[in-house]
Amino acid sequence: MTRSAFYALAEYCRDYALELAAHDQTRVNLQQCHQFNQWFRQVRNYPALAPSLRSLKSARPIARWQVMTLAAVCGVVLFFALGSRFPRLTHLFFVSGYFFLLIGLYFVPERLYGTTVEQIEGKVLRVVDTLETLLMSGSMEFTEAAFFQVKENLQVARRELRQQIDLAHRRWR
């Protein structure tokens, strides 16, 4: 990894942390998931960062509306296909049960099937921590001014990400 790439990555982390702060922490934002996955693929390609970030997984861009649409379409197809095979009372029981299942599915937290903005912030925070560890090791051989500029960018990113994660957790206390 070159010093200019490291510097650009630190700047991007700072800007990305500030951008993520503008979104609802508890919701899945498909655009942010795709943006994170694209950026994370590039970050993993750096040999200096790959070992530390190997266990970090990509974001899952699955939103509530996608899950609800899939469940509703599957249910409608199933009821039309099996509607004539059961007595009317049994069919009514299945339809009402399925309706309550859809309502219950709506209340399942999005973080169970998709990656929320808060979880993306946690992943970016791990990247920032890895970058800071690499910076402090001295292996990048920055000049003093560049070192402090990169360090400041990483500290701003860390502060913003930690603040947003803390605010998301305070909501549930």
N, C-alpha and C. Protein backbone atom coordinates (compact mmCIF):
# COMPACT_ATOMS: atom_id res chain seq x y z
N MET A 1 0.85 -1.17 0.00
CA MET A 1 0.00 0.00 0.00
C MET A 1 0.90 1.24 0.00
N THR A 2 0.61 2.15 -0.89
CA THR A 2 1.42 3.37 -0.97
C THR A 2 0.93 4.39 0.05
N ARG A 3 1.76 5.36 0.32
CA ARG A 3 1.39 6.40 1.29
C ARG A 3 0.22 7.23 0.77
N SER A 4 0.21 7.51 -0.52
CA SER A 4 -0.90 8.30 -1.07
C SER A 4 -2.22 7.53 -1.00
N ALA A 5 -2.18 6.22 -1.23
CA ALA A 5 -3.39 5.40 -1.12
C ALA A 5 -3.86 5.35 0.33
N PHE A 6 -2.92 5.24 1.26
CA PHE A 6 -3.26 5.23 2.68
C PHE A 6 -3.89 6.56 3.09
N TYR A 7 -3.31 7.66 2.63
CA TYR A 7 -3.82 8.99 2.94
C TYR A 7 -5.24 9.15 2.37
N ALA A 8 -5.44 8.72 1.13
CA ALA A 8 -6.76 8.82 0.49
C ALA A 8 -7.78 7.95 1.22
N LEU A 9 -7.35 6.78 1.67
CA LEU A 9 -8.25 5.89 2.41
C LEU A 9 -8.65 6.50 3.74
N ALA A 10 -7.72 7.13 4.43
CA ALA A 10 -8.04 7.80 5.70
C ALA A 10 -9.02 8.95 5.48
N GLU A 11 -8.83 9.71 4.42
CA GLU A 11 -9.76 10.79 4.09
C GLU A 11 -11.14 10.25 3.76
N TYR A 12 -11.17 9.16 3.00
CA TYR A 12 -12.45 8.57 2.63
C TYR A 12 -13.18 8.06 3.88
N CYS A 13 -12.46 7.45 4.80
CA CYS A 13 -13.08 6.97 6.04
C CYS A 13 -13.72 8.12 6.80
N ARG A 14 -13.02 9.24 6.87
CA ARG A 14 -13.57 10.42 7.56
C ARG A 14 -14.85 10.89 6.86
N ASP A 15 -14.80 11.03 5.55
CA ASP A 15 -15.97 11.51 4.80
C ASP A 15 -17.12 10.51 4.86
N TYR A 16 -16.80 9.24 4.80
CA TYR A 16 -17.82 8.19 4.84
C TYR A 16 -18.49 8.14 6.21
N ALA A 17 -17.72 8.34 7.27
CA ALA A 17 -18.29 8.36 8.62
C ALA A 17 -19.27 9.52 8.75
N LEU A 18 -18.91 10.67 8.22
CA LEU A 18 -19.81 11.82 8.28
C LEU A 18 -21.05 11.60 7.42
N GLU A 19 -20.90 10.91 6.30
CA GLU A 19 -22.04 10.61 5.44
C GLU A 19 -23.00 9.62 6.11
N LEU A 20 -22.46 8.60 6.76
CA LEU A 20 -23.31 7.61 7.42
C LEU A 20 -24.11 8.22 8.56
N ALA A 21 -23.61 9.29 9.15
CA ALA A 21 -24.31 9.93 10.27
C ALA A 21 -25.64 10.53 9.84
N ALA A 22 -25.83 10.76 8.56
CA ALA A 22 -27.06 11.38 8.07
C ALA A 22 -28.19 10.37 7.86
N HIS A 23 -27.95 9.10 8.12
CA HIS A 23 -28.96 8.07 7.85
C HIS A 23 -29.48 7.46 9.15
N ASP A 24 -30.69 6.89 9.08
CA ASP A 24 -31.29 6.23 10.24
C ASP A 24 -30.47 5.00 10.59
N GLN A 25 -30.01 4.94 11.83
CA GLN A 25 -29.09 3.90 12.27
C GLN A 25 -29.73 2.51 12.34
N THR A 26 -31.02 2.45 12.57
CA THR A 26 -31.68 1.16 12.79
C THR A 26 -32.27 0.56 11.52
N ARG A 27 -32.15 1.26 10.41
CA ARG A 27 -32.74 0.79 9.17
C ARG A 27 -31.67 0.29 8.20
N VAL A 28 -32.08 -0.57 7.30
CA VAL A 28 -31.20 -1.03 6.23
C VAL A 28 -31.33 -0.02 5.09
N ASN A 29 -30.21 0.54 4.69
CA ASN A 29 -30.18 1.47 3.56
C ASN A 29 -29.46 0.75 2.42
N LEU A 30 -30.22 0.37 1.41
CA LEU A 30 -29.66 -0.44 0.32
C LEU A 30 -28.51 0.26 -0.39
N GLN A 31 -28.66 1.55 -0.61
CA GLN A 31 -27.60 2.30 -1.29
C GLN A 31 -26.31 2.28 -0.47
N GLN A 32 -26.43 2.46 0.85
CA GLN A 32 -25.24 2.44 1.70
C GLN A 32 -24.62 1.05 1.76
N CYS A 33 -25.45 0.02 1.76
CA CYS A 33 -24.92 -1.35 1.75
C CYS A 33 -24.11 -1.61 0.48
N HIS A 34 -24.65 -1.22 -0.66
CA HIS A 34 -23.93 -1.42 -1.92
C HIS A 34 -22.66 -0.59 -1.97
N GLN A 35 -22.74 0.64 -1.48
CA GLN A 35 -21.56 1.51 -1.47
C GLN A 35 -20.48 0.92 -0.56
N PHE A 36 -20.89 0.41 0.62
CA PHE A 36 -19.92 -0.20 1.52
C PHE A 36 -19.28 -1.43 0.89
N ASN A 37 -20.09 -2.28 0.28
CA ASN A 37 -19.55 -3.51 -0.33
C ASN A 37 -18.54 -3.19 -1.44
N GLN A 38 -18.85 -2.19 -2.25
CA GLN A 38 -17.93 -1.80 -3.32
C GLN A 38 -16.62 -1.26 -2.72
N TRP A 39 -16.73 -0.41 -1.72
CA TRP A 39 -15.54 0.16 -1.07
C TRP A 39 -14.75 -0.92 -0.34
N PHE A 40 -15.46 -1.83 0.32
CA PHE A 40 -14.79 -2.87 1.12
C PHE A 40 -14.02 -3.84 0.23
N ARG A 41 -14.53 -4.11 -0.98
CA ARG A 41 -13.79 -4.95 -1.92
C ARG A 41 -12.44 -4.32 -2.26
N GLN A 42 -12.43 -3.01 -2.42
CA GLN A 42 -11.17 -2.31 -2.71
C GLN A 42 -10.23 -2.35 -1.51
N VAL A 43 -10.78 -2.17 -0.31
CA VAL A 43 -9.96 -2.15 0.91
C VAL A 43 -9.33 -3.52 1.14
N ARG A 44 -10.06 -4.58 0.87
CA ARG A 44 -9.52 -5.93 1.07
C ARG A 44 -8.37 -6.25 0.14
N ASN A 45 -8.29 -5.55 -0.96
CA ASN A 45 -7.22 -5.81 -1.93
C ASN A 45 -5.85 -5.32 -1.46
N TYR A 46 -5.82 -4.48 -0.45
CA TYR A 46 -4.53 -4.01 0.08
C TYR A 46 -3.92 -5.11 0.94
N PRO A 47 -2.73 -5.57 0.62
CA PRO A 47 -2.12 -6.67 1.38
C PRO A 47 -1.87 -6.34 2.85
N ALA A 48 -1.63 -5.08 3.16
CA ALA A 48 -1.37 -4.70 4.55
C ALA A 48 -2.62 -4.77 5.41
N LEU A 49 -3.79 -4.65 4.80
CA LEU A 49 -5.05 -4.65 5.55
C LEU A 49 -5.78 -5.99 5.50
N ALA A 50 -5.49 -6.80 4.51
CA ALA A 50 -6.23 -8.05 4.30
C ALA A 50 -6.23 -8.98 5.50
N PRO A 51 -5.10 -9.24 6.18
CA PRO A 51 -5.13 -10.17 7.31
C PRO A 51 -6.02 -9.69 8.46
N SER A 52 -6.01 -8.40 8.73
CA SER A 52 -6.80 -7.87 9.84
C SER A 52 -8.29 -7.85 9.54
N LEU A 53 -8.64 -7.73 8.28
CA LEU A 53 -10.05 -7.58 7.90
C LEU A 53 -10.64 -8.86 7.32
N ARG A 54 -9.91 -9.96 7.42
CA ARG A 54 -10.38 -11.21 6.83
C ARG A 54 -11.70 -11.68 7.43
N SER A 55 -11.89 -11.49 8.73
CA SER A 55 -13.11 -11.98 9.38
C SER A 55 -14.30 -11.04 9.19
N LEU A 56 -14.07 -9.85 8.68
CA LEU A 56 -15.14 -8.89 8.47
C LEU A 56 -15.92 -9.26 7.21
N LYS A 57 -17.24 -9.35 7.34
CA LYS A 57 -18.08 -9.76 6.22
C LYS A 57 -18.66 -8.55 5.49
N SER A 58 -19.06 -8.77 4.28
CA SER A 58 -19.70 -7.71 3.49
C SER A 58 -21.08 -7.41 4.06
N ALA A 59 -21.63 -6.28 3.67
CA ALA A 59 -22.97 -5.90 4.12
C ALA A 59 -24.02 -6.72 3.37
N ARG A 60 -25.13 -7.03 4.05
CA ARG A 60 -26.24 -7.76 3.44
C ARG A 60 -27.32 -6.75 3.04
N PRO A 61 -27.45 -6.44 1.76
CA PRO A 61 -28.44 -5.45 1.33
C PRO A 61 -29.83 -6.07 1.17
N ILE A 62 -30.46 -6.36 2.28
CA ILE A 62 -31.81 -6.92 2.27
C ILE A 62 -32.68 -6.03 3.14
N ALA A 63 -33.66 -5.38 2.53
CA ALA A 63 -34.52 -4.44 3.24
C ALA A 63 -35.84 -5.10 3.63
N ARG A 64 -36.54 -4.47 4.56
CA ARG A 64 -37.82 -5.00 5.04
C ARG A 64 -38.82 -5.11 3.89
N TRP A 65 -38.87 -4.12 3.02
CA TRP A 65 -39.86 -4.18 1.94
C TRP A 65 -39.59 -5.36 1.01
N GLN A 66 -38.34 -5.75 0.85
CA GLN A 66 -38.03 -6.90 0.00
C GLN A 66 -38.52 -8.19 0.65
N VAL A 67 -38.30 -8.32 1.95
CA VAL A 67 -38.75 -9.51 2.67
C VAL A 67 -40.27 -9.60 2.66
N MET A 68 -40.94 -8.47 2.91
CA MET A 68 -42.40 -8.47 2.94
C MET A 68 -42.98 -8.77 1.55
N THR A 69 -42.39 -8.22 0.51
CA THR A 69 -42.87 -8.47 -0.85
C THR A 69 -42.70 -9.94 -1.22
N LEU A 70 -41.55 -10.50 -0.89
CA LEU A 70 -41.31 -11.91 -1.18
C LEU A 70 -42.30 -12.80 -0.43
N ALA A 71 -42.53 -12.50 0.84
CA ALA A 71 -43.47 -13.30 1.64
C ALA A 71 -44.89 -13.17 1.10
N ALA A 72 -45.29 -11.96 0.72
CA ALA A 72 -46.64 -11.76 0.20
C ALA A 72 -46.84 -12.46 -1.14
N VAL A 73 -45.88 -12.36 -2.03
CA VAL A 73 -45.98 -13.01 -3.34
C VAL A 73 -46.01 -14.53 -3.19
N CYS A 74 -45.14 -15.06 -2.34
CA CYS A 74 -45.15 -16.52 -2.10
C CYS A 74 -46.48 -16.97 -1.53
N GLY A 75 -47.03 -16.19 -0.61
CA GLY A 75 -48.32 -16.53 -0.02
C GLY A 75 -49.45 -16.52 -1.01
N VAL A 76 -49.50 -15.51 -1.86
CA VAL A 76 -50.56 -15.41 -2.87
C VAL A 76 -50.46 -16.58 -3.85
N VAL A 77 -49.26 -16.88 -4.31
CA VAL A 77 -49.07 -18.00 -5.23
C VAL A 77 -49.49 -19.31 -4.56
N LEU A 78 -49.10 -19.49 -3.32
CA LEU A 78 -49.44 -20.70 -2.58
C LEU A 78 -50.95 -20.84 -2.39
N PHE A 79 -51.63 -19.74 -2.06
CA PHE A 79 -53.07 -19.82 -1.84
C PHE A 79 -53.84 -20.06 -3.13
N PHE A 80 -53.38 -19.49 -4.23
CA PHE A 80 -54.05 -19.77 -5.50
C PHE A 80 -53.80 -21.20 -5.95
N ALA A 81 -52.61 -21.72 -5.69
CA ALA A 81 -52.27 -23.08 -6.12
C ALA A 81 -52.99 -24.12 -5.27
N LEU A 82 -53.11 -23.86 -3.97
CA LEU A 82 -53.69 -24.85 -3.07
C LEU A 82 -55.11 -24.52 -2.63
N GLY A 83 -55.66 -23.41 -3.12
CA GLY A 83 -56.98 -22.96 -2.67
C GLY A 83 -58.10 -23.96 -2.92
N SER A 84 -58.09 -24.62 -4.03
CA SER A 84 -59.18 -25.54 -4.37
C SER A 84 -58.97 -26.93 -3.77
N ARG A 85 -57.85 -27.21 -3.18
CA ARG A 85 -57.56 -28.55 -2.67
C ARG A 85 -58.03 -28.75 -1.22
N PHE A 86 -58.35 -27.66 -0.53
CA PHE A 86 -58.77 -27.76 0.87
C PHE A 86 -60.20 -27.25 1.02
N PRO A 87 -60.87 -27.73 2.07
CA PRO A 87 -62.22 -27.19 2.35
C PRO A 87 -62.14 -25.69 2.65
N ARG A 88 -63.25 -25.02 2.50
CA ARG A 88 -63.31 -23.56 2.66
C ARG A 88 -62.85 -23.12 4.05
N LEU A 89 -63.25 -23.81 5.09
CA LEU A 89 -62.88 -23.44 6.46
C LEU A 89 -61.38 -23.59 6.69
N THR A 90 -60.80 -24.66 6.18
CA THR A 90 -59.35 -24.87 6.31
C THR A 90 -58.60 -23.79 5.54
N HIS A 91 -59.09 -23.47 4.35
CA HIS A 91 -58.45 -22.42 3.55
C HIS A 91 -58.53 -21.07 4.27
N LEU A 92 -59.66 -20.76 4.87
CA LEU A 92 -59.82 -19.51 5.63
C LEU A 92 -58.87 -19.47 6.82
N PHE A 93 -58.70 -20.61 7.48
CA PHE A 93 -57.77 -20.69 8.61
C PHE A 93 -56.33 -20.40 8.15
N PHE A 94 -55.93 -20.99 7.03
CA PHE A 94 -54.58 -20.75 6.51
C PHE A 94 -54.39 -19.29 6.07
N VAL A 95 -55.38 -18.71 5.43
CA VAL A 95 -55.27 -17.32 4.98
C VAL A 95 -55.14 -16.38 6.17
N SER A 96 -55.97 -16.57 7.19
CA SER A 96 -55.88 -15.68 8.36
C SER A 96 -54.57 -15.92 9.12
N GLY A 97 -54.14 -17.15 9.22
CA GLY A 97 -52.85 -17.44 9.86
C GLY A 97 -51.69 -16.81 9.11
N TYR A 98 -51.76 -16.87 7.79
CA TYR A 98 -50.71 -16.27 6.98
C TYR A 98 -50.71 -14.75 7.11
N PHE A 99 -51.89 -14.16 7.20
CA PHE A 99 -51.99 -12.72 7.39
C PHE A 99 -51.31 -12.31 8.70
N PHE A 100 -51.55 -13.04 9.77
CA PHE A 100 -50.90 -12.73 11.05
C PHE A 100 -49.40 -13.01 10.99
N LEU A 101 -49.01 -13.99 10.20
CA LEU A 101 -47.58 -14.26 10.00
C LEU A 101 -46.90 -13.07 9.31
N LEU A 102 -47.57 -12.48 8.32
CA LEU A 102 -47.02 -11.30 7.65
C LEU A 102 -46.90 -10.12 8.61
N ILE A 103 -47.89 -9.95 9.47
CA ILE A 103 -47.81 -8.87 10.47
C ILE A 103 -46.65 -9.13 11.42
N GLY A 104 -46.49 -10.36 11.85
CA GLY A 104 -45.36 -10.70 12.73
C GLY A 104 -44.02 -10.51 12.04
N LEU A 105 -43.96 -10.84 10.76
CA LEU A 105 -42.72 -10.67 9.99
C LEU A 105 -42.34 -9.20 9.87
N TYR A 106 -43.34 -8.33 9.83
CA TYR A 106 -43.08 -6.90 9.75
C TYR A 106 -42.33 -6.40 11.00
N PHE A 107 -42.59 -7.01 12.13
CA PHE A 107 -41.98 -6.56 13.39
C PHE A 107 -40.64 -7.23 13.70
N VAL A 108 -40.17 -8.11 12.83
CA VAL A 108 -38.84 -8.70 13.01
C VAL A 108 -37.81 -7.60 12.74
N PRO A 109 -36.85 -7.40 13.63
CA PRO A 109 -35.86 -6.33 13.42
C PRO A 109 -35.08 -6.54 12.13
N GLU A 110 -34.83 -5.45 11.44
CA GLU A 110 -34.14 -5.52 10.15
C GLU A 110 -32.72 -6.05 10.29
N ARG A 111 -32.11 -5.86 11.42
CA ARG A 111 -30.71 -6.30 11.59
C ARG A 111 -30.57 -7.81 11.54
N LEU A 112 -31.67 -8.56 11.65
CA LEU A 112 -31.60 -10.02 11.59
C LEU A 112 -31.44 -10.54 10.17
N TYR A 113 -31.94 -9.81 9.18
CA TYR A 113 -31.82 -10.29 7.81
C TYR A 113 -31.04 -9.35 6.90
N GLY A 114 -30.79 -8.13 7.33
CA GLY A 114 -30.02 -7.18 6.53
C GLY A 114 -28.99 -6.47 7.40
N THR A 115 -28.15 -5.68 6.78
CA THR A 115 -27.13 -4.93 7.51
C THR A 115 -27.62 -3.50 7.67
N THR A 116 -27.82 -3.09 8.92
CA THR A 116 -28.28 -1.73 9.19
C THR A 116 -27.13 -0.75 9.06
N VAL A 117 -27.46 0.52 9.04
CA VAL A 117 -26.44 1.57 8.95
C VAL A 117 -25.52 1.50 10.16
N GLU A 118 -26.08 1.18 11.32
CA GLU A 118 -25.27 1.04 12.53
C GLU A 118 -24.22 -0.06 12.37
N GLN A 119 -24.61 -1.17 11.78
CA GLN A 119 -23.67 -2.26 11.57
C GLN A 119 -22.61 -1.88 10.53
N ILE A 120 -22.99 -1.11 9.53
CA ILE A 120 -22.01 -0.62 8.57
C ILE A 120 -21.01 0.28 9.27
N GLU A 121 -21.50 1.12 10.17
CA GLU A 121 -20.60 2.00 10.93
C GLU A 121 -19.62 1.18 11.76
N GLY A 122 -20.08 0.09 12.33
CA GLY A 122 -19.18 -0.78 13.09
C GLY A 122 -18.11 -1.39 12.20
N LYS A 123 -18.48 -1.76 11.00
CA LYS A 123 -17.50 -2.33 10.06
C LYS A 123 -16.48 -1.27 9.63
N VAL A 124 -16.95 -0.07 9.37
CA VAL A 124 -16.03 1.01 8.99
C VAL A 124 -15.12 1.34 10.17
N LEU A 125 -15.64 1.27 11.39
CA LEU A 125 -14.82 1.52 12.58
C LEU A 125 -13.70 0.49 12.69
N ARG A 126 -13.98 -0.76 12.34
CA ARG A 126 -12.91 -1.77 12.34
C ARG A 126 -11.83 -1.44 11.32
N VAL A 127 -12.24 -0.94 10.16
CA VAL A 127 -11.26 -0.53 9.15
C VAL A 127 -10.43 0.64 9.67
N VAL A 128 -11.09 1.60 10.31
CA VAL A 128 -10.38 2.75 10.88
C VAL A 128 -9.39 2.29 11.94
N ASP A 129 -9.80 1.37 12.80
CA ASP A 129 -8.88 0.84 13.82
C ASP A 129 -7.67 0.17 13.19
N THR A 130 -7.91 -0.59 12.14
CA THR A 130 -6.81 -1.27 11.44
C THR A 130 -5.87 -0.25 10.80
N LEU A 131 -6.44 0.78 10.20
CA LEU A 131 -5.60 1.82 9.60
C LEU A 131 -4.78 2.54 10.66
N GLU A 132 -5.40 2.81 11.80
CA GLU A 132 -4.67 3.51 12.86
C GLU A 132 -3.55 2.64 13.43
N THR A 133 -3.79 1.36 13.57
CA THR A 133 -2.74 0.44 14.03
C THR A 133 -1.58 0.43 13.05
N LEU A 134 -1.90 0.39 11.77
CA LEU A 134 -0.87 0.40 10.74
C LEU A 134 -0.11 1.73 10.74
N LEU A 135 -0.82 2.82 10.96
CA LEU A 135 -0.18 4.14 11.01
C LEU A 135 0.77 4.24 12.20
N MET A 136 0.33 3.78 13.36
CA MET A 136 1.14 3.88 14.57
C MET A 136 2.35 2.94 14.55
N SER A 137 2.28 1.91 13.74
CA SER A 137 3.43 0.99 13.66
C SER A 137 4.62 1.64 12.96
N GLY A 138 4.36 2.71 12.22
CA GLY A 138 5.44 3.43 11.55
C GLY A 138 5.87 2.82 10.23
N SER A 139 5.19 1.81 9.77
CA SER A 139 5.59 1.15 8.53
C SER A 139 5.29 1.97 7.28
N MET A 140 4.43 2.98 7.41
CA MET A 140 4.08 3.81 6.24
C MET A 140 5.11 4.90 5.98
N GLU A 141 5.92 5.22 6.96
CA GLU A 141 7.01 6.21 6.84
C GLU A 141 6.52 7.55 6.29
N PHE A 142 5.50 8.10 6.93
CA PHE A 142 4.98 9.41 6.57
C PHE A 142 5.91 10.50 7.08
N THR A 143 5.85 11.66 6.43
CA THR A 143 6.50 12.83 7.01
C THR A 143 5.68 13.24 8.23
N GLU A 144 6.24 14.09 9.05
CA GLU A 144 5.56 14.45 10.29
C GLU A 144 4.22 15.13 10.02
N ALA A 145 4.18 16.04 9.07
CA ALA A 145 2.93 16.75 8.76
C ALA A 145 1.88 15.79 8.20
N ALA A 146 2.27 14.92 7.30
CA ALA A 146 1.33 13.96 6.72
C ALA A 146 0.85 12.97 7.78
N PHE A 147 1.75 12.55 8.67
CA PHE A 147 1.39 11.63 9.75
C PHE A 147 0.27 12.23 10.59
N PHE A 148 0.44 13.49 11.00
CA PHE A 148 -0.56 14.10 11.87
C PHE A 148 -1.86 14.39 11.12
N GLN A 149 -1.78 14.65 9.84
CA GLN A 149 -2.99 14.86 9.05
C GLN A 149 -3.78 13.55 8.93
N VAL A 150 -3.10 12.46 8.65
CA VAL A 150 -3.76 11.15 8.57
C VAL A 150 -4.31 10.76 9.93
N LYS A 151 -3.53 10.99 10.97
CA LYS A 151 -3.98 10.67 12.33
C LYS A 151 -5.23 11.46 12.68
N GLU A 152 -5.27 12.73 12.31
CA GLU A 152 -6.44 13.56 12.59
C GLU A 152 -7.66 13.06 11.81
N ASN A 153 -7.47 12.70 10.54
CA ASN A 153 -8.59 12.16 9.75
C ASN A 153 -9.15 10.89 10.38
N LEU A 154 -8.27 10.01 10.83
CA LEU A 154 -8.72 8.76 11.45
C LEU A 154 -9.40 9.03 12.79
N GLN A 155 -8.91 10.00 13.54
CA GLN A 155 -9.54 10.33 14.83
C GLN A 155 -10.92 10.94 14.63
N VAL A 156 -11.07 11.79 13.62
CA VAL A 156 -12.39 12.36 13.32
C VAL A 156 -13.36 11.25 12.92
N ALA A 157 -12.90 10.34 12.08
CA ALA A 157 -13.74 9.21 11.66
C ALA A 157 -14.12 8.35 12.86
N ARG A 158 -13.15 8.04 13.72
CA ARG A 158 -13.42 7.22 14.90
C ARG A 158 -14.42 7.90 15.82
N ARG A 159 -14.23 9.19 16.08
CA ARG A 159 -15.12 9.93 16.97
C ARG A 159 -16.55 9.93 16.44
N GLU A 160 -16.69 10.20 15.15
CA GLU A 160 -18.02 10.25 14.55
C GLU A 160 -18.70 8.88 14.57
N LEU A 161 -17.96 7.85 14.22
CA LEU A 161 -18.54 6.50 14.21
C LEU A 161 -18.92 6.06 15.61
N ARG A 162 -18.06 6.28 16.58
CA ARG A 162 -18.38 5.90 17.96
C ARG A 162 -19.57 6.67 18.49
N GLN A 163 -19.65 7.95 18.15
CA GLN A 163 -20.78 8.76 18.59
C GLN A 163 -22.09 8.23 18.01
N GLN A 164 -22.10 7.92 16.73
CA GLN A 164 -23.31 7.42 16.10
C GLN A 164 -23.72 6.05 16.65
N ILE A 165 -22.75 5.19 16.88
CA ILE A 165 -23.05 3.87 17.45
C ILE A 165 -23.57 4.03 18.87
N ASP A 166 -22.97 4.93 19.64
CA ASP A 166 -23.42 5.19 21.01
C ASP A 166 -24.85 5.75 21.01
N LEU A 167 -25.14 6.67 20.12
CA LEU A 167 -26.49 7.23 20.04
C LEU A 167 -27.52 6.17 19.65
N ALA A 168 -27.14 5.28 18.77
CA ALA A 168 -28.06 4.21 18.37
C ALA A 168 -28.35 3.28 19.55
N HIS A 169 -27.35 3.04 20.39
CA HIS A 169 -27.55 2.16 21.54
C HIS A 169 -28.31 2.86 22.65
N ARG A 170 -28.15 4.15 22.80
CA ARG A 170 -28.87 4.89 23.84
C ARG A 170 -30.36 4.90 23.57
N ARG A 171 -30.74 4.79 22.31
CA ARG A 171 -32.15 4.80 21.95
C ARG A 171 -32.89 3.65 22.63
N TRP A 172 -32.21 2.56 22.89
CA TRP A 172 -32.86 1.37 23.44
C TRP A 172 -32.67 1.22 24.93
N ARG A 173 -32.07 2.19 25.59
CA ARG A 173 -31.87 2.10 27.05
C ARG A 173 -33.07 2.60 27.79
